[in-house]
Amino acid sequence: MEREAISKLTNPDRDLSIQGVSGCSYPLGGVLVRVLILIQGDYGERIVDNIKTHAPRDWEVNSYAFPKTLPVIIDDPNEFLPEELPPADLLISLGEHPGVAQLIPDMVERSRAKAVIAPAANRAWLPAGLARQTKNKLAMRGVEMVYPVPFCSLTEKNSSNPYVLELVRYFGRPVVTVELAGDKIREVTIIREAPCGNTRFVANGLVGVWVVAAVMQAGLVHHQHPCLATMVVDPEFNDTLMHRSGLGIKQAVDEALKSKPTA
């Protein structure tokens, strides 16, 4: 069997051949999920590509790219805002400069988004203080914002908003199951994946690996993708965000193995 065929997804809503996603069915009881992703460089582009490719085919996923250079303080948002935006239910901000976060409230107003996910793969891009200010501004408008650090730490515990919860069904902290052939991993099934696509890379890298080495191997393969999170030590966790991301996939594999019945 080819390695690419061994790691798989179980959710029938997905179609791995789809490169762009749009449609007209309604997974939230009559509400179409429309996602607008703000990007500024390679970090956001990779996440957009993965979400567009692997989200349910009835989602509408659009992106808007800001210039790579923005002023530290944006006095006139209209200088950087598009005249029109597609309507959105969920806005995801993947800027690589604090200026993008300053524009989130305006982008919410123009897109009429009902929830915001603003992750931090690097605190320099979205410092905690700026995230709190932005979250408070949005709360005054009745819009919830979540601030996962990093994006692949997001779970259903972070929000009760239906649009955030819908995204977390598919993207966030990795969840996998495994099938074994003796003492080796035969198959890895992805239940929920890291938004950047790293989980798929790790899943393929675990096929044929000895069970006793699988958790460590997951961490090694995670770094080879490579992970997009910073190697700067984060004061909140006293660890790098890259290591925190790697720990997430290692825990996912460990939990999957522990769920298997012992002989």
C-alpha atoms as a PDB file:
ATOM      1  CA  MET A   1       0.000   0.000   0.000  1.00  0.00           C
ATOM      2  CA  GLU A   2       1.248   3.467  -0.841  1.00  0.00           C
ATOM      3  CA  ARG A   3       2.122   5.599   2.182  1.00  0.00           C
ATOM      4  CA  GLU A   4      -0.095   8.480   0.979  1.00  0.00           C
ATOM      5  CA  ALA A   5      -3.123   6.205   1.110  1.00  0.00           C
ATOM      6  CA  ILE A   6      -2.564   5.130   4.689  1.00  0.00           C
ATOM      7  CA  SER A   7      -3.183   8.308   6.632  1.00  0.00           C
ATOM      8  CA  LYS A   8      -6.790   9.321   6.104  1.00  0.00           C
ATOM      9  CA  LEU A   9      -9.770  11.347   7.289  1.00  0.00           C
ATOM     10  CA  THR A  10     -13.014   9.944   8.589  1.00  0.00           C
ATOM     11  CA  ASN A  11     -15.367  12.908   8.167  1.00  0.00           C
ATOM     12  CA  PRO A  12     -17.621  12.364   5.121  1.00  0.00           C
ATOM     13  CA  ASP A  13     -18.132  16.125   4.726  1.00  0.00           C
ATOM     14  CA  ARG A  14     -14.602  16.448   3.405  1.00  0.00           C
ATOM     15  CA  ASP A  15     -13.374  15.876  -0.104  1.00  0.00           C
ATOM     16  CA  LEU A  16      -9.598  15.744  -0.407  1.00  0.00           C
ATOM     17  CA  SER A  17      -9.756  16.507  -4.131  1.00  0.00           C
ATOM     18  CA  ILE A  18     -11.358  19.904  -3.543  1.00  0.00           C
ATOM     19  CA  GLN A  19      -8.893  22.810  -3.894  1.00  0.00           C
ATOM     20  CA  GLY A  20     -11.297  25.667  -3.238  1.00  0.00           C
ATOM     21  CA  VAL A  21     -14.414  25.334  -1.149  1.00  0.00           C
ATOM     22  CA  SER A  22     -17.848  26.799  -1.623  1.00  0.00           C
ATOM     23  CA  GLY A  23     -21.340  25.451  -1.729  1.00  0.00           C
ATOM     24  CA  CYS A  24     -24.883  25.758  -0.504  1.00  0.00           C
ATOM     25  CA  SER A  25     -25.535  23.285   2.311  1.00  0.00           C
ATOM     26  CA  TYR A  26     -25.853  24.454   5.892  1.00  0.00           C
ATOM     27  CA  PRO A  27     -23.926  22.606   8.634  1.00  0.00           C
ATOM     28  CA  LEU A  28     -25.076  24.933  11.446  1.00  0.00           C
ATOM     29  CA  GLY A  29     -28.789  24.281  11.249  1.00  0.00           C
ATOM     30  CA  GLY A  30     -29.465  26.650   8.348  1.00  0.00           C
ATOM     31  CA  VAL A  31     -26.402  28.896   8.634  1.00  0.00           C
ATOM     32  CA  LEU A  32     -23.816  28.843   5.861  1.00  0.00           C
ATOM     33  CA  VAL A  33     -20.251  28.992   7.191  1.00  0.00           C
ATOM     34  CA  ARG A  34     -18.410  31.826   5.470  1.00  0.00           C
ATOM     35  CA  VAL A  35     -14.789  32.304   6.482  1.00  0.00           C
ATOM     36  CA  LEU A  36     -12.632  35.351   5.737  1.00  0.00           C
ATOM     37  CA  ILE A  37      -8.910  34.956   6.452  1.00  0.00           C
ATOM     38  CA  LEU A  38      -6.603  37.974   6.729  1.00  0.00           C
ATOM     39  CA  ILE A  39      -3.031  37.223   5.685  1.00  0.00           C
ATOM     40  CA  GLN A  40       0.219  39.065   5.143  1.00  0.00           C
ATOM     41  CA  GLY A  41       2.836  36.500   4.131  1.00  0.00           C
ATOM     42  CA  ASP A  42       3.909  32.852   3.997  1.00  0.00           C
ATOM     43  CA  TYR A  43       2.493  32.035   7.441  1.00  0.00           C
ATOM     44  CA  GLY A  44      -1.044  32.918   6.479  1.00  0.00           C
ATOM     45  CA  GLU A  45      -0.787  31.627   2.931  1.00  0.00           C
ATOM     46  CA  ARG A  46       0.019  28.102   4.073  1.00  0.00           C
ATOM     47  CA  ILE A  47      -2.911  28.050   6.482  1.00  0.00           C
ATOM     48  CA  VAL A  48      -5.284  29.438   3.843  1.00  0.00           C
ATOM     49  CA  ASP A  49      -4.167  26.763   1.384  1.00  0.00           C
ATOM     50  CA  ASN A  50      -4.739  23.982   3.897  1.00  0.00           C
ATOM     51  CA  ILE A  51      -8.126  25.220   5.071  1.00  0.00           C
ATOM     52  CA  LYS A  52      -9.357  25.783   1.514  1.00  0.00           C
ATOM     53  CA  THR A  53      -8.213  22.318   0.499  1.00  0.00           C
ATOM     54  CA  HIS A  54      -9.465  20.357   3.475  1.00  0.00           C
ATOM     55  CA  ALA A  55     -12.452  22.235   4.919  1.00  0.00           C
ATOM     56  CA  PRO A  56     -15.949  20.844   4.326  1.00  0.00           C
ATOM     57  CA  ARG A  57     -16.916  21.558   0.747  1.00  0.00           C
ATOM     58  CA  ASP A  58     -19.974  23.567   1.816  1.00  0.00           C
ATOM     59  CA  TRP A  59     -17.863  26.269   3.452  1.00  0.00           C
ATOM     60  CA  GLU A  60     -17.050  29.507   1.659  1.00  0.00           C
ATOM     61  CA  VAL A  61     -13.420  30.430   2.304  1.00  0.00           C
ATOM     62  CA  ASN A  62     -11.985  33.764   1.149  1.00  0.00           C
ATOM     63  CA  SER A  63      -8.764  35.572   1.998  1.00  0.00           C
ATOM     64  CA  TYR A  64      -7.514  39.138   1.921  1.00  0.00           C
ATOM     65  CA  ALA A  65      -3.793  39.973   1.813  1.00  0.00           C
ATOM     66  CA  PHE A  66      -2.433  43.078   3.520  1.00  0.00           C
ATOM     67  CA  PRO A  67       0.872  44.680   2.459  1.00  0.00           C
ATOM     68  CA  LYS A  68       3.905  43.159   4.153  1.00  0.00           C
ATOM     69  CA  THR A  69       4.905  46.590   5.446  1.00  0.00           C
ATOM     70  CA  LEU A  70       2.542  48.527   7.712  1.00  0.00           C
ATOM     71  CA  PRO A  71       3.116  51.465  10.073  1.00  0.00           C
ATOM     72  CA  VAL A  72       3.468  50.736  13.787  1.00  0.00           C
ATOM     73  CA  ILE A  73       0.395  52.849  14.516  1.00  0.00           C
ATOM     74  CA  ILE A  74      -2.338  53.111  11.901  1.00  0.00           C
ATOM     75  CA  ASP A  75      -3.906  56.563  12.100  1.00  0.00           C
ATOM     76  CA  ASP A  76      -6.226  56.195   9.120  1.00  0.00           C
ATOM     77  CA  PRO A  77      -7.481  52.627   8.639  1.00  0.00           C
ATOM     78  CA  ASN A  78      -9.075  53.568   5.326  1.00  0.00           C
ATOM     79  CA  GLU A  79      -5.607  53.779   3.778  1.00  0.00           C
ATOM     80  CA  PHE A  80      -5.250  50.017   4.167  1.00  0.00           C
ATOM     81  CA  LEU A  81      -8.807  48.705   4.050  1.00  0.00           C
ATOM     82  CA  PRO A  82     -10.406  47.314   0.889  1.00  0.00           C
ATOM     83  CA  GLU A  83     -13.452  49.072  -0.466  1.00  0.00           C
ATOM     84  CA  GLU A  84     -15.407  45.826  -0.444  1.00  0.00           C
ATOM     85  CA  LEU A  85     -15.165  42.512   1.351  1.00  0.00           C
ATOM     86  CA  PRO A  86     -17.166  39.318   0.949  1.00  0.00           C
ATOM     87  CA  PRO A  87     -19.613  38.799   3.819  1.00  0.00           C
ATOM     88  CA  ALA A  88     -18.275  36.476   6.507  1.00  0.00           C
ATOM     89  CA  ASP A  89     -19.466  34.667   9.600  1.00  0.00           C
ATOM     90  CA  LEU A  90     -15.978  33.970  10.944  1.00  0.00           C
ATOM     91  CA  LEU A  91     -12.909  36.172  10.506  1.00  0.00           C
ATOM     92  CA  ILE A  92      -9.443  34.666  11.064  1.00  0.00           C
ATOM     93  CA  SER A  93      -6.572  37.136  11.414  1.00  0.00           C
ATOM     94  CA  LEU A  94      -3.147  35.769  10.448  1.00  0.00           C
ATOM     95  CA  GLY A  95      -1.216  39.015  10.207  1.00  0.00           C
ATOM     96  CA  GLU A  96       2.548  39.130  10.675  1.00  0.00           C
ATOM     97  CA  HIS A  97       2.544  42.691  12.009  1.00  0.00           C
ATOM     98  CA  PRO A  98       0.573  44.342  14.858  1.00  0.00           C
ATOM     99  CA  GLY A  99      -0.978  46.712  12.327  1.00  0.00           C
ATOM    100  CA  VAL A 100      -3.193  43.926  11.017  1.00  0.00           C
ATOM    101  CA  ALA A 101      -4.671  43.406  14.485  1.00  0.00           C
ATOM    102  CA  GLN A 102      -5.404  47.125  14.712  1.00  0.00           C
ATOM    103  CA  LEU A 103      -7.548  46.743  11.603  1.00  0.00           C
ATOM    104  CA  ILE A 104      -9.563  43.761  12.852  1.00  0.00           C
ATOM    105  CA  PRO A 105     -12.533  45.812  14.185  1.00  0.00           C
ATOM    106  CA  ASP A 106     -12.840  47.624  10.849  1.00  0.00           C
ATOM    107  CA  MET A 107     -12.612  44.355   8.919  1.00  0.00           C
ATOM    108  CA  VAL A 108     -15.311  42.881  11.161  1.00  0.00           C
ATOM    109  CA  GLU A 109     -17.555  45.856  10.465  1.00  0.00           C
ATOM    110  CA  ARG A 110     -17.071  45.614   6.704  1.00  0.00           C
ATOM    111  CA  SER A 111     -17.464  41.839   6.511  1.00  0.00           C
ATOM    112  CA  ARG A 112     -20.179  41.632   9.203  1.00  0.00           C
ATOM    113  CA  ALA A 113     -18.321  38.757  10.843  1.00  0.00           C
ATOM    114  CA  LYS A 114     -19.893  37.320  13.977  1.00  0.00           C
ATOM    115  CA  ALA A 115     -16.735  35.870  15.543  1.00  0.00           C
ATOM    116  CA  VAL A 116     -12.963  36.314  15.274  1.00  0.00           C
ATOM    117  CA  ILE A 117     -10.034  33.957  15.731  1.00  0.00           C
ATOM    118  CA  ALA A 118      -6.751  35.843  16.118  1.00  0.00           C
ATOM    119  CA  PRO A 119      -3.966  33.339  16.800  1.00  0.00           C
ATOM    120  CA  ALA A 120      -0.378  34.128  17.704  1.00  0.00           C
ATOM    121  CA  ALA A 121       2.438  32.065  16.230  1.00  0.00           C
ATOM    122  CA  ASN A 122       4.707  34.928  17.264  1.00  0.00           C
ATOM    123  CA  ARG A 123       3.793  37.383  20.039  1.00  0.00           C
ATOM    124  CA  ALA A 124       5.586  40.155  18.144  1.00  0.00           C
ATOM    125  CA  TRP A 125       2.848  39.902  15.518  1.00  0.00           C
ATOM    126  CA  LEU A 126       0.020  40.105  18.047  1.00  0.00           C
ATOM    127  CA  PRO A 127       1.123  41.038  21.586  1.00  0.00           C
ATOM    128  CA  ALA A 128      -1.157  39.984  24.437  1.00  0.00           C
ATOM    129  CA  GLY A 129      -2.000  43.599  25.338  1.00  0.00           C
ATOM    130  CA  LEU A 130      -3.103  44.422  21.805  1.00  0.00           C
ATOM    131  CA  ALA A 131      -5.101  41.204  21.684  1.00  0.00           C
ATOM    132  CA  ARG A 132      -6.953  42.193  24.876  1.00  0.00           C
ATOM    133  CA  GLN A 133      -7.692  45.675  23.522  1.00  0.00           C
ATOM    134  CA  THR A 134      -9.007  44.236  20.279  1.00  0.00           C
ATOM    135  CA  LYS A 135     -11.072  41.629  22.096  1.00  0.00           C
ATOM    136  CA  ASN A 136     -12.664  44.308  24.291  1.00  0.00           C
ATOM    137  CA  LYS A 137     -13.498  46.501  21.290  1.00  0.00           C
ATOM    138  CA  LEU A 138     -15.165  43.592  19.559  1.00  0.00           C
ATOM    139  CA  ALA A 139     -17.045  42.541  22.694  1.00  0.00           C
ATOM    140  CA  MET A 140     -18.655  45.989  22.791  1.00  0.00           C
ATOM    141  CA  ARG A 141     -20.077  45.174  19.356  1.00  0.00           C
ATOM    142  CA  GLY A 142     -21.257  41.738  20.436  1.00  0.00           C
ATOM    143  CA  VAL A 143     -18.505  39.909  18.535  1.00  0.00           C
ATOM    144  CA  GLU A 144     -16.454  37.254  20.310  1.00  0.00           C
ATOM    145  CA  MET A 145     -12.703  36.969  19.703  1.00  0.00           C
ATOM    146  CA  VAL A 146     -10.501  34.055  20.733  1.00  0.00           C
ATOM    147  CA  TYR A 147      -6.704  34.294  20.962  1.00  0.00           C
ATOM    148  CA  PRO A 148      -5.122  30.828  20.698  1.00  0.00           C
ATOM    149  CA  VAL A 149      -1.356  30.703  21.207  1.00  0.00           C
ATOM    150  CA  PRO A 150      -0.548  29.123  18.793  1.00  0.00           C
ATOM    151  CA  PHE A 151      -3.450  28.398  16.407  1.00  0.00           C
ATOM    152  CA  CYS A 152      -3.005  24.628  16.774  1.00  0.00           C
ATOM    153  CA  SER A 153      -3.804  24.858  20.501  1.00  0.00           C
ATOM    154  CA  LEU A 154      -7.426  25.865  19.786  1.00  0.00           C
ATOM    155  CA  THR A 155     -10.121  23.522  21.146  1.00  0.00           C
ATOM    156  CA  GLU A 156     -13.845  23.613  21.797  1.00  0.00           C
ATOM    157  CA  LYS A 157     -13.070  24.716  25.361  1.00  0.00           C
ATOM    158  CA  ASN A 158     -11.922  28.130  24.089  1.00  0.00           C
ATOM    159  CA  SER A 159     -15.326  29.338  22.891  1.00  0.00           C
ATOM    160  CA  SER A 160     -19.058  28.738  22.862  1.00  0.00           C
ATOM    161  CA  ASN A 161     -19.558  30.658  19.607  1.00  0.00           C
ATOM    162  CA  PRO A 162     -21.123  28.333  17.008  1.00  0.00           C
ATOM    163  CA  TYR A 163     -18.854  29.507  14.188  1.00  0.00           C
ATOM    164  CA  VAL A 164     -15.690  28.999  16.209  1.00  0.00           C
ATOM    165  CA  LEU A 165     -16.973  25.604  17.304  1.00  0.00           C
ATOM    166  CA  GLU A 166     -17.701  24.654  13.707  1.00  0.00           C
ATOM    167  CA  LEU A 167     -14.121  25.445  12.699  1.00  0.00           C
ATOM    168  CA  VAL A 168     -12.783  23.542  15.715  1.00  0.00           C
ATOM    169  CA  ARG A 169     -14.550  20.414  14.491  1.00  0.00           C
ATOM    170  CA  TYR A 170     -11.890  20.263  11.784  1.00  0.00           C
ATOM    171  CA  PHE A 171      -8.971  22.561  12.668  1.00  0.00           C
ATOM    172  CA  GLY A 172      -7.174  23.251  15.937  1.00  0.00           C
ATOM    173  CA  ARG A 173      -5.416  21.052  18.472  1.00  0.00           C
ATOM    174  CA  PRO A 174      -4.702  17.765  16.651  1.00  0.00           C
ATOM    175  CA  VAL A 175      -6.786  14.681  17.380  1.00  0.00           C
ATOM    176  CA  VAL A 176      -5.927  11.381  15.700  1.00  0.00           C
ATOM    177  CA  THR A 177      -6.624   7.678  15.977  1.00  0.00           C
ATOM    178  CA  VAL A 178      -4.243   4.879  15.048  1.00  0.00           C
ATOM    179  CA  GLU A 179      -4.492   1.321  13.825  1.00  0.00           C
ATOM    180  CA  LEU A 180      -1.690  -1.093  14.591  1.00  0.00           C
ATOM    181  CA  ALA A 181      -0.116  -4.053  12.827  1.00  0.00           C
ATOM    182  CA  GLY A 182       1.601  -5.870  15.644  1.00  0.00           C
ATOM    183  CA  ASP A 183       4.011  -3.457  17.271  1.00  0.00           C
ATOM    184  CA  LYS A 184       3.966  -0.949  14.406  1.00  0.00           C
ATOM    185  CA  ILE A 185       1.577   1.771  13.282  1.00  0.00           C
ATOM    186  CA  ARG A 186      -0.392   0.678  10.228  1.00  0.00           C
ATOM    187  CA  GLU A 187      -2.726   3.640   9.797  1.00  0.00           C
ATOM    188  CA  VAL A 188      -3.297   7.130  11.217  1.00  0.00           C
ATOM    189  CA  THR A 189      -6.749   8.706  10.944  1.00  0.00           C
ATOM    190  CA  ILE A 190      -7.026  12.475  11.371  1.00  0.00           C
ATOM    191  CA  ILE A 191     -10.067  13.626  13.334  1.00  0.00           C
ATOM    192  CA  ARG A 192      -8.915  17.230  13.763  1.00  0.00           C
ATOM    193  CA  GLU A 193      -5.775  18.754  12.275  1.00  0.00           C
ATOM    194  CA  ALA A 194      -3.479  21.691  12.845  1.00  0.00           C
ATOM    195  CA  PRO A 195      -4.601  24.566  10.580  1.00  0.00           C
ATOM    196  CA  CYS A 196      -1.215  24.703   8.818  1.00  0.00           C
ATOM    197  CA  GLY A 197      -1.399  21.108   7.546  1.00  0.00           C
ATOM    198  CA  ASN A 198       1.376  19.812   9.786  1.00  0.00           C
ATOM    199  CA  THR A 199      -0.773  16.987  11.159  1.00  0.00           C
ATOM    200  CA  ARG A 200      -1.053  15.358   7.731  1.00  0.00           C
ATOM    201  CA  PHE A 201       2.703  15.449   7.315  1.00  0.00           C
ATOM    202  CA  VAL A 202       3.181  13.846  10.731  1.00  0.00           C
ATOM    203  CA  ALA A 203       0.505  11.219  10.063  1.00  0.00           C
ATOM    204  CA  ASN A 204       2.257  10.023   6.919  1.00  0.00           C
ATOM    205  CA  GLY A 205       5.573  10.026   8.764  1.00  0.00           C
ATOM    206  CA  LEU A 206       4.253   7.664  11.441  1.00  0.00           C
ATOM    207  CA  VAL A 207       3.189   4.820   9.168  1.00  0.00           C
ATOM    208  CA  GLY A 208       5.425   1.817   9.774  1.00  0.00           C
ATOM    209  CA  VAL A 209       6.964   3.303  12.923  1.00  0.00           C
ATOM    210  CA  TRP A 210       7.361   1.139  16.033  1.00  0.00           C
ATOM    211  CA  VAL A 211       4.731   1.960  18.652  1.00  0.00           C
ATOM    212  CA  VAL A 212       7.362   2.534  21.336  1.00  0.00           C
ATOM    213  CA  ALA A 213       8.989   5.228  19.164  1.00  0.00           C
ATOM    214  CA  ALA A 214       5.833   6.835  17.770  1.00  0.00           C
ATOM    215  CA  VAL A 215       5.430   9.751  20.186  1.00  0.00           C
ATOM    216  CA  MET A 216       9.046  10.828  19.839  1.00  0.00           C
ATOM    217  CA  GLN A 217       8.877  10.376  16.063  1.00  0.00           C
ATOM    218  CA  ALA A 218       5.781  12.593  15.911  1.00  0.00           C
ATOM    219  CA  GLY A 219       7.754  15.418  17.508  1.00  0.00           C
ATOM    220  CA  LEU A 220      10.672  14.982  15.119  1.00  0.00           C
ATOM    221  CA  VAL A 221       8.496  14.896  11.996  1.00  0.00           C
ATOM    222  CA  HIS A 222       6.547  17.917  13.254  1.00  0.00           C
ATOM    223  CA  HIS A 223       9.711  20.035  13.099  1.00  0.00           C
ATOM    224  CA  GLN A 224      10.525  18.810   9.582  1.00  0.00           C
ATOM    225  CA  HIS A 225       7.326  20.192   8.008  1.00  0.00           C
ATOM    226  CA  PRO A 226       8.455  22.835   9.233  1.00  0.00           C
ATOM    227  CA  CYS A 227       6.376  24.306  12.050  1.00  0.00           C
ATOM    228  CA  LEU A 228       5.524  27.993  11.564  1.00  0.00           C
ATOM    229  CA  ALA A 229       5.589  28.981  15.245  1.00  0.00           C
ATOM    230  CA  THR A 230       8.416  31.024  16.734  1.00  0.00           C
ATOM    231  CA  MET A 231      11.433  29.625  18.567  1.00  0.00           C
ATOM    232  CA  VAL A 232      11.424  32.603  20.959  1.00  0.00           C
ATOM    233  CA  VAL A 233      10.640  31.611  24.557  1.00  0.00           C
ATOM    234  CA  ASP A 234       7.142  32.797  25.457  1.00  0.00           C
ATOM    235  CA  PRO A 235       6.866  34.270  28.978  1.00  0.00           C
ATOM    236  CA  GLU A 236       3.363  32.880  29.537  1.00  0.00           C
ATOM    237  CA  PHE A 237       4.424  29.280  28.949  1.00  0.00           C
ATOM    238  CA  ASN A 238       8.158  29.552  29.689  1.00  0.00           C
ATOM    239  CA  ASP A 239       8.638  27.629  26.460  1.00  0.00           C
ATOM    240  CA  THR A 240       8.814  28.301  22.734  1.00  0.00           C
ATOM    241  CA  LEU A 241       5.589  28.271  20.748  1.00  0.00           C
ATOM    242  CA  MET A 242       7.172  25.822  18.313  1.00  0.00           C
ATOM    243  CA  HIS A 243       7.759  23.400  21.176  1.00  0.00           C
ATOM    244  CA  ARG A 244       4.220  23.990  22.427  1.00  0.00           C
ATOM    245  CA  SER A 245       2.930  23.151  18.962  1.00  0.00           C
ATOM    246  CA  GLY A 246       5.060  20.015  18.799  1.00  0.00           C
ATOM    247  CA  LEU A 247       3.821  18.960  22.207  1.00  0.00           C
ATOM    248  CA  GLY A 248       0.261  19.110  20.872  1.00  0.00           C
ATOM    249  CA  ILE A 249       0.833  16.500  18.165  1.00  0.00           C
ATOM    250  CA  LYS A 250       2.897  14.332  20.511  1.00  0.00           C
ATOM    251  CA  GLN A 251       0.050  14.359  23.021  1.00  0.00           C
ATOM    252  CA  ALA A 252      -2.428  13.528  20.255  1.00  0.00           C
ATOM    253  CA  VAL A 253      -0.414  10.464  19.235  1.00  0.00           C
ATOM    254  CA  ASP A 254       0.117   9.433  22.855  1.00  0.00           C
ATOM    255  CA  GLU A 255      -3.616   9.694  23.584  1.00  0.00           C
ATOM    256  CA  ALA A 256      -4.429   7.688  20.453  1.00  0.00           C
ATOM    257  CA  LEU A 257      -2.033   4.909  21.455  1.00  0.00           C
ATOM    258  CA  LYS A 258      -3.309   4.813  25.033  1.00  0.00           C
ATOM    259  CA  SER A 259      -6.859   4.379  23.755  1.00  0.00           C
ATOM    260  CA  LYS A 260      -5.897   1.116  22.031  1.00  0.00           C
ATOM    261  CA  PRO A 261      -6.728  -2.030  24.011  1.00  0.00           C
ATOM    262  CA  THR A 262      -3.715  -3.809  25.434  1.00  0.00           C
ATOM    263  CA  ALA A 263      -3.096  -7.440  24.652  1.00  0.00           C
END
